[in-house]
């Protein structure tokens, strides 16, 4: 997505809705886990500051590598494996690992659907894939306000479901 905040908001909303309508037990997925899931929704873009650090702070000549390794399904597969191992060891931490895996995976999915491309099998292949819906439909400019629309819809949902105005 064009805006980093969309990755965070979409992930938080998806996890919160899953907790409300599927799990229905707030103790299994506490708010801190939902927050960490939102942070995980940003993790694949860690390659952007890493690129600038390597290129400008360290002065090394490197090519732009955004959406390569960090947006690979290889990373998702590794996270799923780690999640399964952690879940067998300790269920609570396994749930957190699953939420982090979801956040990373959801980010990659959103980029695949909405913007440019990803390299799903990097480092084994440099083949790119992506639907690039925003530029194909001419909605790139509208995407800048997309995060605000999603946030307002979620706040409306939270008011109807949890009456958040009682806490203000």
N, C-alpha and C. Protein backbone atom coordinates (compact mmCIF):
# COMPACT_ATOMS: atom_id res chain seq x y z
N UNK A 1 0.85 -1.17 0.00
CA UNK A 1 0.00 0.00 0.00
C UNK A 1 0.90 1.23 0.00
N UNK A 2 0.39 2.33 -0.52
CA UNK A 2 1.19 3.53 -0.59
C UNK A 2 1.50 4.13 0.78
N UNK A 3 0.63 3.93 1.74
CA UNK A 3 0.82 4.51 3.05
C UNK A 3 1.13 3.42 4.08
N UNK A 4 2.17 3.61 4.86
CA UNK A 4 2.53 2.62 5.87
C UNK A 4 1.42 2.43 6.88
N UNK A 5 0.71 3.51 7.19
CA UNK A 5 -0.36 3.41 8.19
C UNK A 5 -1.46 2.45 7.76
N UNK A 6 -1.68 2.30 6.46
CA UNK A 6 -2.70 1.36 5.97
C UNK A 6 -2.32 -0.07 6.36
N UNK A 7 -1.03 -0.40 6.27
CA UNK A 7 -0.60 -1.73 6.66
C UNK A 7 -0.89 -1.98 8.14
N UNK A 8 -0.65 -1.00 8.97
CA UNK A 8 -0.90 -1.14 10.40
C UNK A 8 -2.40 -1.23 10.68
N UNK A 9 -3.17 -0.30 10.15
CA UNK A 9 -4.61 -0.27 10.41
C UNK A 9 -5.30 -1.53 9.90
N UNK A 10 -5.01 -1.92 8.65
CA UNK A 10 -5.63 -3.13 8.10
C UNK A 10 -5.33 -4.35 8.97
N UNK A 11 -4.10 -4.49 9.40
CA UNK A 11 -3.72 -5.65 10.20
C UNK A 11 -4.41 -5.62 11.55
N UNK A 12 -4.41 -4.47 12.21
CA UNK A 12 -5.07 -4.34 13.51
C UNK A 12 -6.56 -4.65 13.39
N UNK A 13 -7.20 -4.11 12.37
CA UNK A 13 -8.63 -4.34 12.19
C UNK A 13 -8.91 -5.82 11.92
N UNK A 14 -8.13 -6.44 11.06
CA UNK A 14 -8.35 -7.85 10.73
C UNK A 14 -8.20 -8.73 11.98
N UNK A 15 -7.17 -8.48 12.78
CA UNK A 15 -6.96 -9.27 13.99
C UNK A 15 -8.07 -9.00 15.00
N UNK A 16 -8.45 -7.74 15.15
CA UNK A 16 -9.51 -7.39 16.10
C UNK A 16 -10.84 -8.03 15.70
N UNK A 17 -11.17 -8.00 14.42
CA UNK A 17 -12.41 -8.64 13.96
C UNK A 17 -12.36 -10.15 14.17
N UNK A 18 -11.20 -10.75 13.92
CA UNK A 18 -11.02 -12.19 14.15
C UNK A 18 -11.24 -12.50 15.63
N UNK A 19 -10.68 -11.66 16.49
CA UNK A 19 -10.84 -11.86 17.94
C UNK A 19 -12.30 -11.72 18.35
N UNK A 20 -12.99 -10.71 17.81
CA UNK A 20 -14.39 -10.45 18.20
C UNK A 20 -15.36 -11.51 17.68
N UNK A 21 -15.18 -11.96 16.45
CA UNK A 21 -16.19 -12.79 15.81
C UNK A 21 -15.82 -14.26 15.67
N UNK A 22 -14.55 -14.61 15.78
CA UNK A 22 -14.14 -16.01 15.64
C UNK A 22 -13.70 -16.57 16.99
N UNK A 23 -12.70 -15.96 17.59
CA UNK A 23 -12.16 -16.46 18.86
C UNK A 23 -13.13 -16.19 20.01
N UNK A 24 -13.68 -14.99 20.05
CA UNK A 24 -14.65 -14.56 21.06
C UNK A 24 -14.14 -14.69 22.49
N UNK A 25 -12.83 -14.64 22.66
CA UNK A 25 -12.23 -14.70 23.99
C UNK A 25 -11.07 -13.71 24.02
N UNK A 26 -11.31 -12.58 24.65
CA UNK A 26 -10.31 -11.51 24.66
C UNK A 26 -9.05 -11.89 25.43
N UNK A 27 -9.13 -12.88 26.29
CA UNK A 27 -7.94 -13.30 27.04
C UNK A 27 -6.95 -14.05 26.15
N UNK A 28 -7.46 -14.74 25.13
CA UNK A 28 -6.56 -15.48 24.22
C UNK A 28 -5.76 -14.53 23.32
N UNK A 29 -6.40 -13.42 22.93
CA UNK A 29 -5.71 -12.42 22.10
C UNK A 29 -5.86 -11.06 22.78
N UNK A 30 -4.94 -10.73 23.68
CA UNK A 30 -5.04 -9.43 24.37
C UNK A 30 -4.71 -8.27 23.43
N UNK A 31 -5.07 -7.08 23.86
CA UNK A 31 -4.82 -5.88 23.04
C UNK A 31 -3.34 -5.71 22.70
N UNK A 32 -2.45 -6.10 23.60
CA UNK A 32 -1.02 -5.98 23.30
C UNK A 32 -0.64 -6.84 22.10
N UNK A 33 -1.26 -8.01 21.94
CA UNK A 33 -0.99 -8.87 20.78
C UNK A 33 -1.51 -8.21 19.50
N UNK A 34 -2.66 -7.55 19.61
CA UNK A 34 -3.22 -6.87 18.43
C UNK A 34 -2.28 -5.73 18.02
N UNK A 35 -1.79 -4.99 19.01
CA UNK A 35 -0.82 -3.92 18.72
C UNK A 35 0.43 -4.48 18.03
N UNK A 36 0.97 -5.57 18.57
CA UNK A 36 2.17 -6.17 17.98
C UNK A 36 1.88 -6.71 16.57
N UNK A 37 0.66 -7.17 16.34
CA UNK A 37 0.27 -7.57 14.99
C UNK A 37 0.31 -6.39 14.03
N UNK A 38 -0.12 -5.22 14.50
CA UNK A 38 -0.05 -4.01 13.68
C UNK A 38 1.38 -3.63 13.37
N UNK A 39 2.26 -3.74 14.36
CA UNK A 39 3.68 -3.48 14.13
C UNK A 39 4.23 -4.48 13.11
N UNK A 40 3.84 -5.74 13.23
CA UNK A 40 4.29 -6.77 12.28
C UNK A 40 3.81 -6.46 10.86
N UNK A 41 2.70 -5.74 10.75
CA UNK A 41 2.21 -5.32 9.44
C UNK A 41 3.16 -4.37 8.73
N UNK A 42 4.07 -3.77 9.48
CA UNK A 42 5.08 -2.89 8.89
C UNK A 42 6.41 -3.59 8.60
N UNK A 43 6.64 -4.72 9.22
CA UNK A 43 7.96 -5.36 9.16
C UNK A 43 8.51 -5.59 7.75
N UNK A 44 7.71 -6.00 6.77
CA UNK A 44 8.31 -6.20 5.45
C UNK A 44 8.94 -4.95 4.85
N UNK A 45 8.51 -3.78 5.28
CA UNK A 45 9.09 -2.54 4.76
C UNK A 45 10.35 -2.12 5.50
N UNK A 46 10.87 -2.98 6.37
CA UNK A 46 12.12 -2.67 7.06
C UNK A 46 13.26 -2.55 6.06
N UNK A 47 13.07 -3.11 4.86
CA UNK A 47 14.13 -3.01 3.85
C UNK A 47 14.33 -1.58 3.35
N UNK A 48 13.34 -0.71 3.51
CA UNK A 48 13.47 0.68 3.05
C UNK A 48 14.49 1.44 3.92
N UNK A 49 14.31 1.52 5.26
CA UNK A 49 15.34 2.21 6.05
C UNK A 49 16.68 1.48 6.00
N UNK A 50 16.66 0.16 5.87
CA UNK A 50 17.90 -0.60 5.75
C UNK A 50 18.66 -0.20 4.49
N UNK A 51 17.94 -0.02 3.38
CA UNK A 51 18.57 0.42 2.14
C UNK A 51 19.22 1.79 2.33
N UNK A 52 18.48 2.74 2.91
CA UNK A 52 19.01 4.09 3.10
C UNK A 52 20.21 4.09 4.05
N UNK A 53 20.16 3.25 5.06
CA UNK A 53 21.29 3.14 5.98
C UNK A 53 22.53 2.63 5.26
N UNK A 54 22.37 1.56 4.50
CA UNK A 54 23.51 0.97 3.79
C UNK A 54 24.05 1.94 2.74
N UNK A 55 23.16 2.56 1.99
CA UNK A 55 23.58 3.42 0.89
C UNK A 55 24.13 4.76 1.36
N UNK A 56 23.42 5.41 2.26
CA UNK A 56 23.80 6.78 2.62
C UNK A 56 24.65 6.87 3.89
N UNK A 57 24.30 6.13 4.91
CA UNK A 57 25.08 6.22 6.15
C UNK A 57 26.40 5.47 6.03
N UNK A 58 26.37 4.32 5.37
CA UNK A 58 27.60 3.53 5.22
C UNK A 58 28.32 3.82 3.91
N UNK A 59 27.64 4.54 3.00
CA UNK A 59 28.26 4.94 1.74
C UNK A 59 28.52 3.80 0.77
N UNK A 60 27.80 2.71 0.92
CA UNK A 60 27.99 1.57 0.01
C UNK A 60 27.09 1.71 -1.21
N UNK A 61 27.59 1.28 -2.35
CA UNK A 61 26.80 1.31 -3.57
C UNK A 61 25.96 0.03 -3.66
N UNK A 62 24.67 0.19 -3.50
CA UNK A 62 23.76 -0.95 -3.60
C UNK A 62 22.57 -0.56 -4.47
N UNK A 63 21.99 -1.54 -5.14
CA UNK A 63 20.78 -1.29 -5.92
C UNK A 63 19.57 -1.35 -4.98
N UNK A 64 18.52 -0.66 -5.39
CA UNK A 64 17.27 -0.65 -4.63
C UNK A 64 16.78 -2.07 -4.46
N UNK A 65 16.51 -2.51 -3.22
CA UNK A 65 16.12 -3.90 -3.00
C UNK A 65 14.79 -4.03 -2.27
N UNK A 66 13.95 -2.99 -2.36
CA UNK A 66 12.62 -3.06 -1.73
C UNK A 66 11.76 -4.11 -2.45
N UNK A 67 10.98 -4.81 -1.67
CA UNK A 67 10.08 -5.88 -2.13
C UNK A 67 10.83 -7.08 -2.72
N UNK A 68 11.99 -7.37 -2.18
CA UNK A 68 12.69 -8.59 -2.61
C UNK A 68 12.57 -9.61 -1.48
N UNK A 69 13.59 -9.74 -0.67
CA UNK A 69 13.60 -10.75 0.38
C UNK A 69 12.47 -10.55 1.40
N UNK A 70 12.27 -9.33 1.85
CA UNK A 70 11.29 -9.09 2.92
C UNK A 70 9.84 -9.30 2.46
N UNK A 71 9.62 -9.36 1.16
CA UNK A 71 8.27 -9.57 0.63
C UNK A 71 8.15 -10.95 -0.03
N UNK A 72 8.98 -11.88 0.39
CA UNK A 72 9.04 -13.20 -0.21
C UNK A 72 8.19 -14.21 0.56
N UNK A 73 7.60 -15.13 -0.17
CA UNK A 73 6.84 -16.20 0.47
C UNK A 73 7.77 -17.16 1.21
N UNK A 74 9.05 -17.09 0.91
CA UNK A 74 10.04 -17.88 1.64
C UNK A 74 10.08 -17.41 3.10
N UNK A 75 10.01 -16.11 3.31
CA UNK A 75 9.96 -15.56 4.67
C UNK A 75 8.69 -16.00 5.37
N UNK A 76 7.57 -15.96 4.66
CA UNK A 76 6.29 -16.39 5.24
C UNK A 76 6.36 -17.86 5.64
N UNK A 77 6.91 -18.71 4.78
CA UNK A 77 7.04 -20.13 5.10
C UNK A 77 7.91 -20.33 6.35
N UNK A 78 9.00 -19.58 6.46
CA UNK A 78 9.87 -19.68 7.63
C UNK A 78 9.12 -19.24 8.89
N UNK A 79 8.35 -18.17 8.79
CA UNK A 79 7.57 -17.69 9.94
C UNK A 79 6.51 -18.71 10.36
N UNK A 80 5.88 -19.36 9.40
CA UNK A 80 4.88 -20.39 9.72
C UNK A 80 5.55 -21.54 10.47
N UNK A 81 6.70 -21.96 10.00
CA UNK A 81 7.43 -23.03 10.67
C UNK A 81 7.80 -22.64 12.10
N UNK A 82 8.32 -21.43 12.27
CA UNK A 82 8.66 -20.93 13.61
C UNK A 82 7.42 -20.89 14.50
N UNK A 83 6.30 -20.43 13.95
CA UNK A 83 5.05 -20.35 14.69
C UNK A 83 4.62 -21.73 15.19
N UNK A 84 4.68 -22.72 14.33
CA UNK A 84 4.30 -24.08 14.73
C UNK A 84 5.19 -24.61 15.84
N UNK A 85 6.48 -24.36 15.73
CA UNK A 85 7.42 -24.81 16.76
C UNK A 85 7.16 -24.10 18.09
N UNK A 86 6.96 -22.80 18.04
CA UNK A 86 6.71 -22.03 19.26
C UNK A 86 5.38 -22.44 19.88
N UNK A 87 4.36 -22.67 19.07
CA UNK A 87 3.04 -23.06 19.58
C UNK A 87 3.12 -24.39 20.33
N UNK A 88 3.91 -25.33 19.81
CA UNK A 88 4.08 -26.63 20.48
C UNK A 88 4.78 -26.45 21.82
N UNK A 89 5.66 -25.45 21.90
CA UNK A 89 6.42 -25.20 23.12
C UNK A 89 5.54 -24.49 24.16
N UNK A 90 4.87 -23.41 23.72
CA UNK A 90 4.05 -22.62 24.64
C UNK A 90 2.92 -21.97 23.83
N UNK A 91 1.68 -22.35 24.12
CA UNK A 91 0.53 -21.91 23.33
C UNK A 91 0.41 -20.39 23.24
N UNK A 92 0.54 -19.70 24.36
CA UNK A 92 0.38 -18.24 24.37
C UNK A 92 1.36 -17.56 23.41
N UNK A 93 2.63 -17.97 23.45
CA UNK A 93 3.64 -17.37 22.58
C UNK A 93 3.43 -17.83 21.14
N UNK A 94 2.88 -19.02 20.97
CA UNK A 94 2.54 -19.49 19.63
C UNK A 94 1.46 -18.63 18.99
N UNK A 95 0.49 -18.22 19.81
CA UNK A 95 -0.57 -17.32 19.31
C UNK A 95 0.04 -15.99 18.89
N UNK A 96 0.95 -15.46 19.70
CA UNK A 96 1.62 -14.21 19.34
C UNK A 96 2.43 -14.40 18.05
N UNK A 97 3.14 -15.51 17.93
CA UNK A 97 3.92 -15.78 16.72
C UNK A 97 2.99 -15.87 15.51
N UNK A 98 1.82 -16.47 15.69
CA UNK A 98 0.84 -16.56 14.59
C UNK A 98 0.34 -15.18 14.18
N UNK A 99 0.13 -14.32 15.16
CA UNK A 99 -0.32 -12.96 14.87
C UNK A 99 0.76 -12.18 14.12
N UNK A 100 2.01 -12.34 14.52
CA UNK A 100 3.12 -11.68 13.82
C UNK A 100 3.24 -12.22 12.40
N UNK A 101 3.12 -13.53 12.25
CA UNK A 101 3.15 -14.14 10.92
C UNK A 101 2.01 -13.60 10.06
N UNK A 102 0.83 -13.47 10.66
CA UNK A 102 -0.30 -12.91 9.92
C UNK A 102 -0.01 -11.48 9.48
N UNK A 103 0.53 -10.66 10.38
CA UNK A 103 0.83 -9.26 10.04
C UNK A 103 1.78 -9.15 8.87
N UNK A 104 2.85 -9.93 8.89
CA UNK A 104 3.82 -9.92 7.79
C UNK A 104 3.16 -10.41 6.50
N UNK A 105 2.41 -11.51 6.60
CA UNK A 105 1.75 -12.09 5.42
C UNK A 105 0.71 -11.14 4.84
N UNK A 106 -0.03 -10.47 5.71
CA UNK A 106 -1.07 -9.55 5.25
C UNK A 106 -0.45 -8.37 4.51
N UNK A 107 0.69 -7.89 5.00
CA UNK A 107 1.41 -6.81 4.32
C UNK A 107 1.77 -7.24 2.90
N UNK A 108 2.35 -8.43 2.78
CA UNK A 108 2.76 -8.93 1.46
C UNK A 108 1.54 -9.08 0.56
N UNK A 109 0.45 -9.60 1.10
CA UNK A 109 -0.79 -9.75 0.33
C UNK A 109 -1.31 -8.40 -0.16
N UNK A 110 -1.32 -7.40 0.72
CA UNK A 110 -1.80 -6.07 0.32
C UNK A 110 -0.93 -5.47 -0.78
N UNK A 111 0.38 -5.61 -0.65
CA UNK A 111 1.28 -5.11 -1.70
C UNK A 111 1.04 -5.86 -3.01
N UNK A 112 0.85 -7.16 -2.95
CA UNK A 112 0.58 -7.96 -4.15
C UNK A 112 -0.69 -7.47 -4.84
N UNK A 113 -1.73 -7.22 -4.08
CA UNK A 113 -3.03 -6.81 -4.64
C UNK A 113 -3.01 -5.37 -5.14
N UNK A 114 -2.50 -4.45 -4.33
CA UNK A 114 -2.71 -3.04 -4.60
C UNK A 114 -1.57 -2.31 -5.30
N UNK A 115 -0.33 -2.66 -5.04
CA UNK A 115 0.76 -1.86 -5.62
C UNK A 115 1.79 -2.71 -6.32
N UNK A 116 2.25 -2.22 -7.42
CA UNK A 116 3.41 -2.76 -8.12
C UNK A 116 3.52 -4.26 -8.15
N UNK A 117 4.49 -4.75 -7.42
CA UNK A 117 4.84 -6.16 -7.52
C UNK A 117 5.51 -6.61 -6.22
N UNK A 118 5.63 -7.91 -6.10
CA UNK A 118 6.50 -8.51 -5.09
C UNK A 118 7.32 -9.58 -5.81
N UNK A 119 8.35 -10.06 -5.17
CA UNK A 119 9.14 -11.18 -5.69
C UNK A 119 8.84 -12.37 -4.78
N UNK A 120 7.79 -13.14 -5.09
CA UNK A 120 7.31 -14.15 -4.15
C UNK A 120 8.29 -15.28 -3.85
N UNK A 121 9.22 -15.56 -4.74
CA UNK A 121 10.12 -16.69 -4.52
C UNK A 121 11.58 -16.27 -4.37
N UNK A 122 11.79 -14.96 -4.08
CA UNK A 122 13.14 -14.46 -3.87
C UNK A 122 13.72 -15.13 -2.62
N UNK A 123 14.91 -15.59 -2.57
CA UNK A 123 16.07 -15.41 -3.43
C UNK A 123 16.22 -16.49 -4.52
N UNK A 124 15.26 -17.40 -4.59
CA UNK A 124 15.38 -18.49 -5.56
C UNK A 124 15.00 -18.06 -6.97
N UNK A 125 14.20 -17.00 -7.08
CA UNK A 125 13.77 -16.51 -8.38
C UNK A 125 13.54 -15.01 -8.30
N UNK A 126 13.84 -14.30 -9.38
CA UNK A 126 13.59 -12.85 -9.44
C UNK A 126 12.29 -12.53 -10.16
N UNK A 127 11.47 -13.54 -10.38
CA UNK A 127 10.17 -13.33 -11.03
C UNK A 127 9.32 -12.43 -10.15
N UNK A 128 8.65 -11.47 -10.77
CA UNK A 128 7.78 -10.56 -10.03
C UNK A 128 6.32 -10.92 -10.29
N UNK A 129 5.47 -10.59 -9.32
CA UNK A 129 4.05 -10.84 -9.44
C UNK A 129 3.31 -9.74 -8.70
N UNK A 130 2.15 -9.39 -9.19
CA UNK A 130 1.32 -8.39 -8.52
C UNK A 130 0.19 -7.94 -9.40
N UNK A 131 -0.94 -7.59 -8.79
CA UNK A 131 -2.10 -7.15 -9.54
C UNK A 131 -2.09 -5.65 -9.81
N UNK A 132 -1.44 -4.87 -8.95
CA UNK A 132 -1.29 -3.42 -9.13
C UNK A 132 -2.63 -2.74 -9.39
N UNK A 133 -3.62 -3.06 -8.58
CA UNK A 133 -4.98 -2.56 -8.78
C UNK A 133 -5.05 -1.03 -8.75
N UNK A 134 -4.27 -0.39 -7.89
CA UNK A 134 -4.37 1.07 -7.77
C UNK A 134 -4.01 1.79 -9.06
N UNK A 135 -2.90 1.44 -9.68
CA UNK A 135 -2.52 2.15 -10.90
C UNK A 135 -3.34 1.68 -12.09
N UNK A 136 -3.76 0.43 -12.11
CA UNK A 136 -4.58 -0.07 -13.22
C UNK A 136 -5.97 0.57 -13.24
N UNK A 137 -6.46 0.95 -12.09
CA UNK A 137 -7.79 1.57 -12.01
C UNK A 137 -7.71 3.08 -11.90
N UNK A 138 -6.50 3.64 -11.82
CA UNK A 138 -6.34 5.09 -11.70
C UNK A 138 -6.67 5.62 -10.32
N UNK A 139 -6.63 4.78 -9.31
CA UNK A 139 -7.01 5.19 -7.96
C UNK A 139 -5.82 5.52 -7.06
N UNK A 140 -4.64 5.77 -7.64
CA UNK A 140 -3.47 6.05 -6.82
C UNK A 140 -3.68 7.27 -5.94
N UNK A 141 -4.29 8.32 -6.48
CA UNK A 141 -4.52 9.54 -5.70
C UNK A 141 -5.53 9.30 -4.59
N UNK A 142 -6.54 8.48 -4.86
CA UNK A 142 -7.56 8.19 -3.85
C UNK A 142 -7.00 7.36 -2.71
N UNK A 143 -5.94 6.61 -2.96
CA UNK A 143 -5.36 5.75 -1.94
C UNK A 143 -4.80 6.53 -0.76
N UNK A 144 -4.45 7.78 -0.98
CA UNK A 144 -3.89 8.60 0.10
C UNK A 144 -4.91 8.78 1.23
N UNK A 145 -6.19 8.80 0.92
CA UNK A 145 -7.22 8.94 1.94
C UNK A 145 -7.84 7.63 2.38
N UNK A 146 -7.37 6.55 1.80
CA UNK A 146 -7.93 5.23 2.08
C UNK A 146 -7.78 4.86 3.56
N UNK A 147 -6.63 5.21 4.15
CA UNK A 147 -6.40 4.89 5.55
C UNK A 147 -7.42 5.61 6.44
N UNK A 148 -7.76 6.84 6.10
CA UNK A 148 -8.74 7.59 6.89
C UNK A 148 -10.12 6.95 6.81
N UNK A 149 -10.50 6.50 5.62
CA UNK A 149 -11.80 5.85 5.45
C UNK A 149 -11.87 4.55 6.25
N UNK A 150 -10.81 3.75 6.18
CA UNK A 150 -10.77 2.49 6.91
C UNK A 150 -10.80 2.75 8.42
N UNK A 151 -10.03 3.74 8.88
CA UNK A 151 -10.01 4.06 10.30
C UNK A 151 -11.39 4.49 10.79
N UNK A 152 -12.07 5.34 10.03
CA UNK A 152 -13.40 5.79 10.43
C UNK A 152 -14.40 4.63 10.46
N UNK A 153 -14.32 3.74 9.48
CA UNK A 153 -15.21 2.58 9.46
C UNK A 153 -14.96 1.68 10.67
N UNK A 154 -13.69 1.51 11.01
CA UNK A 154 -13.37 0.66 12.17
C UNK A 154 -13.84 1.32 13.47
N UNK A 155 -13.65 2.62 13.60
CA UNK A 155 -14.12 3.32 14.80
C UNK A 155 -15.64 3.22 14.93
N UNK A 156 -16.34 3.32 13.81
CA UNK A 156 -17.80 3.14 13.83
C UNK A 156 -18.14 1.74 14.32
N UNK A 157 -17.44 0.74 13.80
CA UNK A 157 -17.67 -0.65 14.23
C UNK A 157 -17.40 -0.80 15.73
N UNK A 158 -16.29 -0.24 16.20
CA UNK A 158 -15.95 -0.34 17.61
C UNK A 158 -16.99 0.34 18.49
N UNK A 159 -17.54 1.45 18.03
CA UNK A 159 -18.59 2.14 18.79
C UNK A 159 -19.83 1.26 18.87
N UNK A 160 -20.22 0.66 17.77
CA UNK A 160 -21.42 -0.18 17.74
C UNK A 160 -21.21 -1.47 18.54
N UNK A 161 -20.06 -2.07 18.43
CA UNK A 161 -19.79 -3.36 19.09
C UNK A 161 -19.39 -3.19 20.55
N UNK A 162 -18.54 -2.21 20.85
CA UNK A 162 -17.96 -2.08 22.19
C UNK A 162 -18.29 -0.78 22.90
N UNK A 163 -19.06 0.10 22.25
CA UNK A 163 -19.44 1.39 22.83
C UNK A 163 -18.22 2.13 23.39
N UNK A 164 -17.24 2.40 22.52
CA UNK A 164 -16.01 3.04 22.97
C UNK A 164 -16.23 4.45 23.50
N UNK A 165 -17.35 5.08 23.13
CA UNK A 165 -17.60 6.43 23.64
C UNK A 165 -17.81 6.42 25.14
N UNK A 166 -18.14 5.27 25.73
CA UNK A 166 -18.28 5.19 27.18
C UNK A 166 -16.94 5.40 27.89
N UNK A 167 -15.84 5.23 27.17
CA UNK A 167 -14.52 5.35 27.77
C UNK A 167 -13.88 6.70 27.51
N UNK A 168 -14.58 7.58 26.83
CA UNK A 168 -14.02 8.89 26.51
C UNK A 168 -14.44 9.91 27.54
